[in-house]
């Protein structure tokens, strides 16, 4: 499932990592319960900062369920109003021993 919050307008700016929208624990659990296969969003993280300390509860819920998370996507709004079938692929580099890495993202819209 892809989420566009409009954050792309701030991507690459000095305040890129401040005040972005995050996912609630309830939303993360609902996605897991619904069997979502992937979560992609335009913000820097699925979780925000809590009490000035890093906290990643939504990430933990999704990762424990094996749901990949793709963050920092740009221009998602160009895909969302499209009619037809959307094929989304995030192809990772083959790196070992790390928890996060860049991906090449491709989206194709099949119109009938």
PDB file of N, CA and C in Angstrom:
ATOM      1  N   UNK A   1       0.848  -1.151   0.000  1.00  0.00           N
ATOM      2  CA  UNK A   1       0.000   0.000   0.000  1.00  0.00           C
ATOM      3  C   UNK A   1       0.904   1.226   0.000  1.00  0.00           C
ATOM      4  N   UNK A   2       0.561   2.194  -0.840  1.00  0.00           N
ATOM      5  CA  UNK A   2       1.334   3.422  -0.955  1.00  0.00           C
ATOM      6  C   UNK A   2       0.587   4.584  -0.307  1.00  0.00           C
ATOM      7  N   UNK A   3       1.340   5.449   0.399  1.00  0.00           N
ATOM      8  CA  UNK A   3       0.771   6.604   1.074  1.00  0.00           C
ATOM      9  C   UNK A   3       1.471   7.873   0.605  1.00  0.00           C
ATOM     10  N   UNK A   4       0.699   8.803   0.085  1.00  0.00           N
ATOM     11  CA  UNK A   4       1.225  10.103  -0.322  1.00  0.00           C
ATOM     12  C   UNK A   4       0.718  11.154   0.653  1.00  0.00           C
ATOM     13  N   UNK A   5       1.639  11.796   1.360  1.00  0.00           N
ATOM     14  CA  UNK A   5       1.265  12.811   2.350  1.00  0.00           C
ATOM     15  C   UNK A   5       1.557  14.226   1.866  1.00  0.00           C
ATOM     16  N   UNK A   6       2.138  14.351   0.683  1.00  0.00           N
ATOM     17  CA  UNK A   6       2.521  15.661   0.188  1.00  0.00           C
ATOM     18  C   UNK A   6       3.895  16.097   0.664  1.00  0.00           C
ATOM     19  N   UNK A   7       4.617  15.196   1.311  1.00  0.00           N
ATOM     20  CA  UNK A   7       5.917  15.545   1.868  1.00  0.00           C
ATOM     21  C   UNK A   7       6.963  15.848   0.798  1.00  0.00           C
ATOM     22  N   UNK A   8       6.739  15.442  -0.422  1.00  0.00           N
ATOM     23  CA  UNK A   8       7.732  15.652  -1.487  1.00  0.00           C
ATOM     24  C   UNK A   8       8.085  17.120  -1.663  1.00  0.00           C
ATOM     25  N   UNK A   9       7.171  18.004  -1.284  1.00  0.00           N
ATOM     26  CA  UNK A   9       7.442  19.433  -1.417  1.00  0.00           C
ATOM     27  C   UNK A   9       8.561  19.896  -0.489  1.00  0.00           C
ATOM     28  N   UNK A  10       8.836  19.118   0.567  1.00  0.00           N
ATOM     29  CA  UNK A  10       9.911  19.480   1.503  1.00  0.00           C
ATOM     30  C   UNK A  10      11.136  18.590   1.348  1.00  0.00           C
ATOM     31  N   UNK A  11      11.060  17.583   0.513  1.00  0.00           N
ATOM     32  CA  UNK A  11      12.184  16.670   0.335  1.00  0.00           C
ATOM     33  C   UNK A  11      13.412  17.429  -0.152  1.00  0.00           C
ATOM     34  N   UNK A  12      14.532  17.147   0.481  1.00  0.00           N
ATOM     35  CA  UNK A  12      15.781  17.776   0.088  1.00  0.00           C
ATOM     36  C   UNK A  12      16.009  19.159   0.664  1.00  0.00           C
ATOM     37  N   UNK A  13      15.098  19.642   1.513  1.00  0.00           N
ATOM     38  CA  UNK A  13      15.265  20.953   2.130  1.00  0.00           C
ATOM     39  C   UNK A  13      15.930  20.788   3.502  1.00  0.00           C
ATOM     40  N   UNK A  14      16.296  21.906   4.109  1.00  0.00           N
ATOM     41  CA  UNK A  14      16.971  21.867   5.406  1.00  0.00           C
ATOM     42  C   UNK A  14      16.109  21.240   6.496  1.00  0.00           C
ATOM     43  N   UNK A  15      14.776  21.361   6.387  1.00  0.00           N
ATOM     44  CA  UNK A  15      13.896  20.788   7.410  1.00  0.00           C
ATOM     45  C   UNK A  15      13.212  19.505   6.943  1.00  0.00           C
ATOM     46  N   UNK A  16      13.869  18.789   6.060  1.00  0.00           N
ATOM     47  CA  UNK A  16      13.329  17.557   5.488  1.00  0.00           C
ATOM     48  C   UNK A  16      12.963  16.518   6.547  1.00  0.00           C
ATOM     49  N   UNK A  17      13.697  16.470   7.647  1.00  0.00           N
ATOM     50  CA  UNK A  17      13.458  15.442   8.662  1.00  0.00           C
ATOM     51  C   UNK A  17      12.731  15.967   9.893  1.00  0.00           C
ATOM     52  N   UNK A  18      12.112  17.120   9.790  1.00  0.00           N
ATOM     53  CA  UNK A  18      11.405  17.705  10.925  1.00  0.00           C
ATOM     54  C   UNK A  18       9.905  17.789  10.653  1.00  0.00           C
ATOM     55  N   UNK A  19       9.100  17.304  11.580  1.00  0.00           N
ATOM     56  CA  UNK A  19       7.657  17.486  11.527  1.00  0.00           C
ATOM     57  C   UNK A  19       6.908  16.683  10.480  1.00  0.00           C
ATOM     58  N   UNK A  20       7.487  15.622   9.980  1.00  0.00           N
ATOM     59  CA  UNK A  20       6.771  14.843   8.961  1.00  0.00           C
ATOM     60  C   UNK A  20       5.697  13.973   9.607  1.00  0.00           C
ATOM     61  N   UNK A  21       4.707  13.634   8.817  1.00  0.00           N
ATOM     62  CA  UNK A  21       3.608  12.790   9.301  1.00  0.00           C
ATOM     63  C   UNK A  21       4.113  11.371   9.517  1.00  0.00           C
ATOM     64  N   UNK A  22       3.533  10.703  10.489  1.00  0.00           N
ATOM     65  CA  UNK A  22       3.942   9.335  10.766  1.00  0.00           C
ATOM     66  C   UNK A  22       2.703   8.449  10.889  1.00  0.00           C
ATOM     67  N   UNK A  23       2.945   7.165  10.930  1.00  0.00           N
ATOM     68  CA  UNK A  23       1.873   6.186  10.992  1.00  0.00           C
ATOM     69  C   UNK A  23       1.579   5.842  12.441  1.00  0.00           C
ATOM     70  N   UNK A  24       0.312   5.730  12.775  1.00  0.00           N
ATOM     71  CA  UNK A  24      -0.054   5.327  14.129  1.00  0.00           C
ATOM     72  C   UNK A  24       0.150   3.823  14.299  1.00  0.00           C
ATOM     73  N   UNK A  25       0.249   3.407  15.540  1.00  0.00           N
ATOM     74  CA  UNK A  25       0.362   1.975  15.828  1.00  0.00           C
ATOM     75  C   UNK A  25      -0.866   1.228  15.319  1.00  0.00           C
ATOM     76  N   UNK A  26      -2.041   1.856  15.485  1.00  0.00           N
ATOM     77  CA  UNK A  26      -3.285   1.225  15.038  1.00  0.00           C
ATOM     78  C   UNK A  26      -3.296   1.035  13.522  1.00  0.00           C
ATOM     79  N   UNK A  27      -2.800   2.025  12.798  1.00  0.00           N
ATOM     80  CA  UNK A  27      -2.753   1.912  11.336  1.00  0.00           C
ATOM     81  C   UNK A  27      -1.791   0.814  10.915  1.00  0.00           C
ATOM     82  N   UNK A  28      -0.629   0.749  11.562  1.00  0.00           N
ATOM     83  CA  UNK A  28       0.339  -0.296  11.237  1.00  0.00           C
ATOM     84  C   UNK A  28      -0.249  -1.678  11.498  1.00  0.00           C
ATOM     85  N   UNK A  29      -0.921  -1.834  12.631  1.00  0.00           N
ATOM     86  CA  UNK A  29      -1.517  -3.130  12.957  1.00  0.00           C
ATOM     87  C   UNK A  29      -2.648  -3.480  11.996  1.00  0.00           C
ATOM     88  N   UNK A  30      -3.451  -2.494  11.618  1.00  0.00           N
ATOM     89  CA  UNK A  30      -4.527  -2.734  10.658  1.00  0.00           C
ATOM     90  C   UNK A  30      -3.966  -3.213   9.315  1.00  0.00           C
ATOM     91  N   UNK A  31      -2.886  -2.593   8.863  1.00  0.00           N
ATOM     92  CA  UNK A  31      -2.259  -3.021   7.609  1.00  0.00           C
ATOM     93  C   UNK A  31      -1.774  -4.464   7.704  1.00  0.00           C
ATOM     94  N   UNK A  32      -1.160  -4.811   8.831  1.00  0.00           N
ATOM     95  CA  UNK A  32      -0.711  -6.189   9.045  1.00  0.00           C
ATOM     96  C   UNK A  32      -1.908  -7.133   9.048  1.00  0.00           C
ATOM     97  N   UNK A  33      -2.960  -6.766   9.777  1.00  0.00           N
ATOM     98  CA  UNK A  33      -4.158  -7.617   9.863  1.00  0.00           C
ATOM     99  C   UNK A  33      -4.822  -7.804   8.503  1.00  0.00           C
ATOM    100  N   UNK A  34      -4.718  -6.802   7.633  1.00  0.00           N
ATOM    101  CA  UNK A  34      -5.317  -6.881   6.300  1.00  0.00           C
ATOM    102  C   UNK A  34      -4.422  -7.615   5.302  1.00  0.00           C
ATOM    103  N   UNK A  35      -3.229  -7.996   5.721  1.00  0.00           N
ATOM    104  CA  UNK A  35      -2.333  -8.759   4.854  1.00  0.00           C
ATOM    105  C   UNK A  35      -1.598  -7.925   3.813  1.00  0.00           C
ATOM    106  N   UNK A  36      -1.375  -6.652   4.096  1.00  0.00           N
ATOM    107  CA  UNK A  36      -0.652  -5.795   3.155  1.00  0.00           C
ATOM    108  C   UNK A  36       0.747  -6.355   2.927  1.00  0.00           C
ATOM    109  N   UNK A  37       1.185  -6.368   1.692  1.00  0.00           N
ATOM    110  CA  UNK A  37       2.476  -6.951   1.342  1.00  0.00           C
ATOM    111  C   UNK A  37       3.638  -5.988   1.366  1.00  0.00           C
ATOM    112  N   UNK A  38       3.362  -4.672   1.381  1.00  0.00           N
ATOM    113  CA  UNK A  38       4.409  -3.655   1.361  1.00  0.00           C
ATOM    114  C   UNK A  38       3.796  -2.334   1.768  1.00  0.00           C
ATOM    115  N   UNK A  39       4.566  -1.501   2.473  1.00  0.00           N
ATOM    116  CA  UNK A  39       4.142  -0.140   2.796  1.00  0.00           C
ATOM    117  C   UNK A  39       5.172   0.808   2.188  1.00  0.00           C
ATOM    118  N   UNK A  40       4.693   1.718   1.347  1.00  0.00           N
ATOM    119  CA  UNK A  40       5.556   2.733   0.759  1.00  0.00           C
ATOM    120  C   UNK A  40       4.985   4.104   1.052  1.00  0.00           C
ATOM    121  N   UNK A  41       5.855   5.062   1.405  1.00  0.00           N
ATOM    122  CA  UNK A  41       5.382   6.399   1.710  1.00  0.00           C
ATOM    123  C   UNK A  41       6.423   7.444   1.325  1.00  0.00           C
ATOM    124  N   UNK A  42       5.971   8.683   1.242  1.00  0.00           N
ATOM    125  CA  UNK A  42       6.847   9.755   0.783  1.00  0.00           C
ATOM    126  C   UNK A  42       7.611  10.445   1.899  1.00  0.00           C
ATOM    127  N   UNK A  43       7.364  10.087   3.148  1.00  0.00           N
ATOM    128  CA  UNK A  43       8.064  10.721   4.266  1.00  0.00           C
ATOM    129  C   UNK A  43       9.392  10.014   4.540  1.00  0.00           C
ATOM    130  N   UNK A  44      10.281  10.631   5.351  1.00  0.00           N
ATOM    131  CA  UNK A  44      11.571  10.008   5.640  1.00  0.00           C
ATOM    132  C   UNK A  44      11.476   8.728   6.473  1.00  0.00           C
ATOM    133  N   UNK A  45      10.366   8.553   7.196  1.00  0.00           N
ATOM    134  CA  UNK A  45      10.232   7.376   8.051  1.00  0.00           C
ATOM    135  C   UNK A  45       8.758   7.089   8.295  1.00  0.00           C
ATOM    136  N   UNK A  46       8.438   5.819   8.519  1.00  0.00           N
ATOM    137  CA  UNK A  46       7.075   5.442   8.871  1.00  0.00           C
ATOM    138  C   UNK A  46       6.755   5.919  10.288  1.00  0.00           C
ATOM    139  N   UNK A  47       7.776   6.124  11.100  1.00  0.00           N
ATOM    140  CA  UNK A  47       7.631   6.622  12.469  1.00  0.00           C
ATOM    141  C   UNK A  47       8.245   8.009  12.578  1.00  0.00           C
ATOM    142  N   UNK A  48       7.643   8.836  13.409  1.00  0.00           N
ATOM    143  CA  UNK A  48       8.229  10.128  13.733  1.00  0.00           C
ATOM    144  C   UNK A  48       9.132   9.985  14.946  1.00  0.00           C
ATOM    145  N   UNK A  49       9.465  11.085  15.548  1.00  0.00           N
ATOM    146  CA  UNK A  49      10.260  11.077  16.784  1.00  0.00           C
ATOM    147  C   UNK A  49       9.309  11.249  17.957  1.00  0.00           C
ATOM    148  N   UNK A  50       9.564  10.553  19.046  1.00  0.00           N
ATOM    149  CA  UNK A  50       8.709  10.643  20.223  1.00  0.00           C
ATOM    150  C   UNK A  50       9.549  11.055  21.427  1.00  0.00           C
ATOM    151  N   UNK A  51       9.149  12.121  22.120  1.00  0.00           N
ATOM    152  CA  UNK A  51       9.825  12.611  23.326  1.00  0.00           C
ATOM    153  C   UNK A  51      11.301  12.917  23.078  1.00  0.00           C
ATOM    154  N   UNK A  52      11.646  13.312  21.889  1.00  0.00           N
ATOM    155  CA  UNK A  52      13.023  13.663  21.596  1.00  0.00           C
ATOM    156  C   UNK A  52      13.958  12.480  21.436  1.00  0.00           C
ATOM    157  N   UNK A  53      13.467  11.268  21.630  1.00  0.00           N
ATOM    158  CA  UNK A  53      14.291  10.069  21.484  1.00  0.00           C
ATOM    159  C   UNK A  53      13.758   9.247  20.317  1.00  0.00           C
ATOM    160  N   UNK A  54      14.659   8.595  19.597  1.00  0.00           N
ATOM    161  CA  UNK A  54      14.165   7.751  18.501  1.00  0.00           C
ATOM    162  C   UNK A  54      13.246   6.643  19.030  1.00  0.00           C
ATOM    163  N   UNK A  55      12.137   6.482  18.390  1.00  0.00           N
ATOM    164  CA  UNK A  55      11.199   5.425  18.733  1.00  0.00           C
ATOM    165  C   UNK A  55      10.550   4.960  17.447  1.00  0.00           C
ATOM    166  N   UNK A  56      10.494   3.677  17.239  1.00  0.00           N
ATOM    167  CA  UNK A  56      10.009   3.158  15.967  1.00  0.00           C
ATOM    168  C   UNK A  56       8.954   2.068  16.152  1.00  0.00           C
ATOM    169  N   UNK A  57       7.867   2.354  16.865  1.00  0.00           N
ATOM    170  CA  UNK A  57       6.876   1.306  17.147  1.00  0.00           C
ATOM    171  C   UNK A  57       6.129   0.812  15.910  1.00  0.00           C
ATOM    172  N   UNK A  58       5.771   1.684  14.984  1.00  0.00           N
ATOM    173  CA  UNK A  58       5.057   1.224  13.784  1.00  0.00           C
ATOM    174  C   UNK A  58       5.973   0.376  12.920  1.00  0.00           C
ATOM    175  N   UNK A  59       7.227   0.786  12.824  1.00  0.00           N
ATOM    176  CA  UNK A  59       8.217  -0.003  12.066  1.00  0.00           C
ATOM    177  C   UNK A  59       8.341  -1.399  12.659  1.00  0.00           C
ATOM    178  N   UNK A  60       8.379  -1.468  13.985  1.00  0.00           N
ATOM    179  CA  UNK A  60       8.508  -2.773  14.638  1.00  0.00           C
ATOM    180  C   UNK A  60       7.320  -3.669  14.324  1.00  0.00           C
ATOM    181  N   UNK A  61       6.108  -3.118  14.341  1.00  0.00           N
ATOM    182  CA  UNK A  61       4.913  -3.906  14.033  1.00  0.00           C
ATOM    183  C   UNK A  61       4.995  -4.439  12.607  1.00  0.00           C
ATOM    184  N   UNK A  62       5.329  -3.573  11.659  1.00  0.00           N
ATOM    185  CA  UNK A  62       5.392  -3.978  10.256  1.00  0.00           C
ATOM    186  C   UNK A  62       6.521  -4.982  10.016  1.00  0.00           C
ATOM    187  N   UNK A  63       7.683  -4.714  10.569  1.00  0.00           N
ATOM    188  CA  UNK A  63       8.831  -5.603  10.339  1.00  0.00           C
ATOM    189  C   UNK A  63       8.628  -6.976  10.980  1.00  0.00           C
ATOM    190  N   UNK A  64       8.062  -7.006  12.185  1.00  0.00           N
ATOM    191  CA  UNK A  64       7.784  -8.304  12.824  1.00  0.00           C
ATOM    192  C   UNK A  64       6.868  -9.164  11.964  1.00  0.00           C
ATOM    193  N   UNK A  65       5.982  -8.513  11.210  1.00  0.00           N
ATOM    194  CA  UNK A  65       5.047  -9.241  10.345  1.00  0.00           C
ATOM    195  C   UNK A  65       5.638  -9.503   8.962  1.00  0.00           C
ATOM    196  N   UNK A  66       6.885  -9.067   8.730  1.00  0.00           N
ATOM    197  CA  UNK A  66       7.528  -9.310   7.440  1.00  0.00           C
ATOM    198  C   UNK A  66       7.079  -8.367   6.337  1.00  0.00           C
ATOM    199  N   UNK A  67       6.538  -7.208   6.704  1.00  0.00           N
ATOM    200  CA  UNK A  67       6.066  -6.233   5.716  1.00  0.00           C
ATOM    201  C   UNK A  67       7.214  -5.275   5.382  1.00  0.00           C
ATOM    202  N   UNK A  68       7.719  -5.285   4.156  1.00  0.00           N
ATOM    203  CA  UNK A  68       8.775  -4.344   3.781  1.00  0.00           C
ATOM    204  C   UNK A  68       8.257  -2.906   3.799  1.00  0.00           C
ATOM    205  N   UNK A  69       9.143  -1.980   4.147  1.00  0.00           N
ATOM    206  CA  UNK A  69       8.813  -0.557   4.199  1.00  0.00           C
ATOM    207  C   UNK A  69       9.725   0.176   3.234  1.00  0.00           C
ATOM    208  N   UNK A  70       9.127   0.988   2.344  1.00  0.00           N
ATOM    209  CA  UNK A  70       9.903   1.801   1.402  1.00  0.00           C
ATOM    210  C   UNK A  70       9.579   3.254   1.721  1.00  0.00           C
ATOM    211  N   UNK A  71      10.601   3.980   2.186  1.00  0.00           N
ATOM    212  CA  UNK A  71      10.407   5.362   2.631  1.00  0.00           C
ATOM    213  C   UNK A  71      11.087   6.330   1.669  1.00  0.00           C
ATOM    214  N   UNK A  72      10.674   7.593   1.756  1.00  0.00           N
ATOM    215  CA  UNK A  72      11.309   8.637   0.964  1.00  0.00           C
ATOM    216  C   UNK A  72      10.950   8.601  -0.513  1.00  0.00           C
ATOM    217  N   UNK A  73       9.798   8.056  -0.842  1.00  0.00           N
ATOM    218  CA  UNK A  73       9.369   8.017  -2.237  1.00  0.00           C
ATOM    219  C   UNK A  73       8.939   9.412  -2.688  1.00  0.00           C
ATOM    220  N   UNK A  74       9.240   9.747  -3.901  1.00  0.00           N
ATOM    221  CA  UNK A  74       8.927  11.071  -4.439  1.00  0.00           C
ATOM    222  C   UNK A  74       7.916  10.919  -5.571  1.00  0.00           C
ATOM    223  N   UNK A  75       6.997  11.862  -5.646  1.00  0.00           N
ATOM    224  CA  UNK A  75       6.033  11.942  -6.744  1.00  0.00           C
ATOM    225  C   UNK A  75       4.975  10.842  -6.729  1.00  0.00           C
ATOM    226  N   UNK A  76       4.626  10.356  -5.562  1.00  0.00           N
ATOM    227  CA  UNK A  76       3.590   9.328  -5.469  1.00  0.00           C
ATOM    228  C   UNK A  76       2.229   9.813  -5.963  1.00  0.00           C
ATOM    229  N   UNK A  77       1.962  11.090  -5.795  1.00  0.00           N
ATOM    230  CA  UNK A  77       0.658  11.610  -6.222  1.00  0.00           C
ATOM    231  C   UNK A  77       0.429  11.413  -7.714  1.00  0.00           C
ATOM    232  N   UNK A  78       1.475  11.328  -8.481  1.00  0.00           N
ATOM    233  CA  UNK A  78       1.333  11.091  -9.921  1.00  0.00           C
ATOM    234  C   UNK A  78       0.761   9.702 -10.191  1.00  0.00           C
ATOM    235  N   UNK A  79       0.907   8.782  -9.240  1.00  0.00           N
ATOM    236  CA  UNK A  79       0.410   7.414  -9.416  1.00  0.00           C
ATOM    237  C   UNK A  79      -0.985   7.205  -8.851  1.00  0.00           C
ATOM    238  N   UNK A  80      -1.315   7.923  -7.789  1.00  0.00           N
ATOM    239  CA  UNK A  80      -2.526   7.620  -7.034  1.00  0.00           C
ATOM    240  C   UNK A  80      -3.843   7.844  -7.778  1.00  0.00           C
ATOM    241  N   UNK A  81      -3.994   8.868  -8.594  1.00  0.00           N
ATOM    242  CA  UNK A  81      -5.292   9.005  -9.254  1.00  0.00           C
ATOM    243  C   UNK A  81      -5.441   8.132 -10.505  1.00  0.00           C
ATOM    244  N   UNK A  82      -4.382   7.426 -10.852  1.00  0.00           N
ATOM    245  CA  UNK A  82      -4.412   6.641 -12.087  1.00  0.00           C
ATOM    246  C   UNK A  82      -5.425   5.503 -11.991  1.00  0.00           C
ATOM    247  N   UNK A  83      -6.084   5.267 -13.090  1.00  0.00           N
ATOM    248  CA  UNK A  83      -6.996   4.131 -13.169  1.00  0.00           C
ATOM    249  C   UNK A  83      -6.268   2.990 -13.849  1.00  0.00           C
ATOM    250  N   UNK A  84      -6.568   1.792 -13.439  1.00  0.00           N
ATOM    251  CA  UNK A  84      -5.900   0.628 -13.987  1.00  0.00           C
ATOM    252  C   UNK A  84      -5.098  -0.066 -12.907  1.00  0.00           C
ATOM    253  N   UNK A  85      -4.385  -1.097 -13.295  1.00  0.00           N
ATOM    254  CA  UNK A  85      -3.601  -1.887 -12.363  1.00  0.00           C
ATOM    255  C   UNK A  85      -2.225  -1.258 -12.192  1.00  0.00           C
ATOM    256  N   UNK A  86      -1.779  -1.127 -10.954  1.00  0.00           N
ATOM    257  CA  UNK A  86      -0.481  -0.544 -10.653  1.00  0.00           C
ATOM    258  C   UNK A  86       0.483  -1.649 -10.250  1.00  0.00           C
ATOM    259  N   UNK A  87       1.607  -1.707 -10.922  1.00  0.00           N
ATOM    260  CA  UNK A  87       2.677  -2.627 -10.555  1.00  0.00           C
ATOM    261  C   UNK A  87       3.785  -1.781  -9.950  1.00  0.00           C
ATOM    262  N   UNK A  88       4.140  -2.064  -8.693  1.00  0.00           N
ATOM    263  CA  UNK A  88       5.145  -1.312  -7.964  1.00  0.00           C
ATOM    264  C   UNK A  88       6.264  -2.270  -7.592  1.00  0.00           C
ATOM    265  N   UNK A  89       7.484  -1.905  -7.906  1.00  0.00           N
ATOM    266  CA  UNK A  89       8.631  -2.753  -7.565  1.00  0.00           C
ATOM    267  C   UNK A  89       9.724  -1.896  -6.946  1.00  0.00           C
ATOM    268  N   UNK A  90      10.294  -2.391  -5.860  1.00  0.00           N
ATOM    269  CA  UNK A  90      11.430  -1.743  -5.209  1.00  0.00           C
ATOM    270  C   UNK A  90      12.568  -2.753  -5.217  1.00  0.00           C
ATOM    271  N   UNK A  91      13.529  -2.536  -6.072  1.00  0.00           N
ATOM    272  CA  UNK A  91      14.610  -3.496  -6.282  1.00  0.00           C
ATOM    273  C   UNK A  91      15.821  -3.072  -5.444  1.00  0.00           C
ATOM    274  N   UNK A  92      16.192  -3.885  -4.439  1.00  0.00           N
ATOM    275  CA  UNK A  92      17.302  -3.501  -3.558  1.00  0.00           C
ATOM    276  C   UNK A  92      18.662  -3.852  -4.153  1.00  0.00           C
ATOM    277  N   UNK A  93      19.670  -3.160  -3.655  1.00  0.00           N
ATOM    278  CA  UNK A  93      21.041  -3.552  -3.923  1.00  0.00           C
ATOM    279  C   UNK A  93      21.325  -4.795  -3.093  1.00  0.00           C
ATOM    280  N   UNK A  94      22.241  -5.627  -3.550  1.00  0.00           N
ATOM    281  CA  UNK A  94      22.559  -6.828  -2.779  1.00  0.00           C
ATOM    282  C   UNK A  94      23.633  -6.487  -1.745  1.00  0.00           C
ATOM    283  N   UNK A  95      23.163  -6.071  -0.584  1.00  0.00           N
ATOM    284  CA  UNK A  95      24.047  -5.721   0.521  1.00  0.00           C
ATOM    285  C   UNK A  95      23.679  -6.587   1.712  1.00  0.00           C
ATOM    286  N   UNK A  96      24.664  -7.001   2.470  1.00  0.00           N
ATOM    287  CA  UNK A  96      24.399  -7.880   3.617  1.00  0.00           C
ATOM    288  C   UNK A  96      24.817  -7.202   4.920  1.00  0.00           C
ATOM    289  N   UNK A  97      24.125  -7.572   5.991  1.00  0.00           N
ATOM    290  CA  UNK A  97      24.496  -7.104   7.311  1.00  0.00           C
ATOM    291  C   UNK A  97      24.061  -5.691   7.641  1.00  0.00           C
ATOM    292  N   UNK A  98      23.103  -5.151   6.891  1.00  0.00           N
ATOM    293  CA  UNK A  98      22.601  -3.815   7.187  1.00  0.00           C
ATOM    294  C   UNK A  98      21.082  -3.860   7.276  1.00  0.00           C
ATOM    295  N   UNK A  99      20.495  -2.880   7.930  1.00  0.00           N
ATOM    296  CA  UNK A  99      19.042  -2.895   8.116  1.00  0.00           C
ATOM    297  C   UNK A  99      18.305  -2.047   7.097  1.00  0.00           C
ATOM    298  N   UNK A 100      19.001  -1.128   6.435  1.00  0.00           N
ATOM    299  CA  UNK A 100      18.357  -0.255   5.458  1.00  0.00           C
ATOM    300  C   UNK A 100      19.315  -0.026   4.288  1.00  0.00           C
ATOM    301  N   UNK A 101      18.751   0.194   3.106  1.00  0.00           N
ATOM    302  CA  UNK A 101      19.589   0.380   1.928  1.00  0.00           C
ATOM    303  C   UNK A 101      18.783   1.048   0.831  1.00  0.00           C
ATOM    304  N   UNK A 102      19.453   1.664  -0.128  1.00  0.00           N
ATOM    305  CA  UNK A 102      18.731   2.290  -1.241  1.00  0.00           C
ATOM    306  C   UNK A 102      18.122   1.241  -2.169  1.00  0.00           C
ATOM    307  N   UNK A 103      17.036   1.620  -2.804  1.00  0.00           N
ATOM    308  CA  UNK A 103      16.383   0.756  -3.781  1.00  0.00           C
ATOM    309  C   UNK A 103      16.113   1.554  -5.055  1.00  0.00           C
ATOM    310  N   UNK A 104      15.991   0.851  -6.144  1.00  0.00           N
ATOM    311  CA  UNK A 104      15.526   1.451  -7.401  1.00  0.00           C
ATOM    312  C   UNK A 104      14.045   1.131  -7.480  1.00  0.00           C
ATOM    313  N   UNK A 105      13.227   2.173  -7.558  1.00  0.00           N
ATOM    314  CA  UNK A 105      11.777   1.993  -7.562  1.00  0.00           C
ATOM    315  C   UNK A 105      11.241   2.194  -8.977  1.00  0.00           C
ATOM    316  N   UNK A 106      10.355   1.289  -9.371  1.00  0.00           N
ATOM    317  CA  UNK A 106       9.708   1.364 -10.676  1.00  0.00           C
ATOM    318  C   UNK A 106       8.212   1.177 -10.468  1.00  0.00           C
ATOM    319  N   UNK A 107       7.418   2.004 -11.122  1.00  0.00           N
ATOM    320  CA  UNK A 107       5.965   1.863 -11.055  1.00  0.00           C
ATOM    321  C   UNK A 107       5.423   1.876 -12.472  1.00  0.00           C
ATOM    322  N   UNK A 108       4.603   0.908 -12.791  1.00  0.00           N
ATOM    323  CA  UNK A 108       3.976   0.817 -14.105  1.00  0.00           C
ATOM    324  C   UNK A 108       2.464   0.769 -13.908  1.00  0.00           C
ATOM    325  N   UNK A 109       1.760   1.517 -14.751  1.00  0.00           N
ATOM    326  CA  UNK A 109       0.302   1.503 -14.701  1.00  0.00           C
ATOM    327  C   UNK A 109      -0.191   0.797 -15.954  1.00  0.00           C
ATOM    328  N   UNK A 110      -0.946  -0.273 -15.747  1.00  0.00           N
ATOM    329  CA  UNK A 110      -1.511  -1.017 -16.871  1.00  0.00           C
ATOM    330  C   UNK A 110      -2.935  -0.543 -17.070  1.00  0.00           C
ATOM    331  N   UNK A 111      -3.154   0.122 -18.186  1.00  0.00           N
ATOM    332  CA  UNK A 111      -4.487   0.606 -18.506  1.00  0.00           C
ATOM    333  C   UNK A 111      -5.136  -0.335 -19.507  1.00  0.00           C
ATOM    334  N   UNK A 112      -6.379  -0.644 -19.288  1.00  0.00           N
ATOM    335  CA  UNK A 112      -7.081  -1.560 -20.207  1.00  0.00           C
ATOM    336  C   UNK A 112      -7.769  -0.782 -21.316  1.00  0.00           C
TER     337      UNK A 112
END
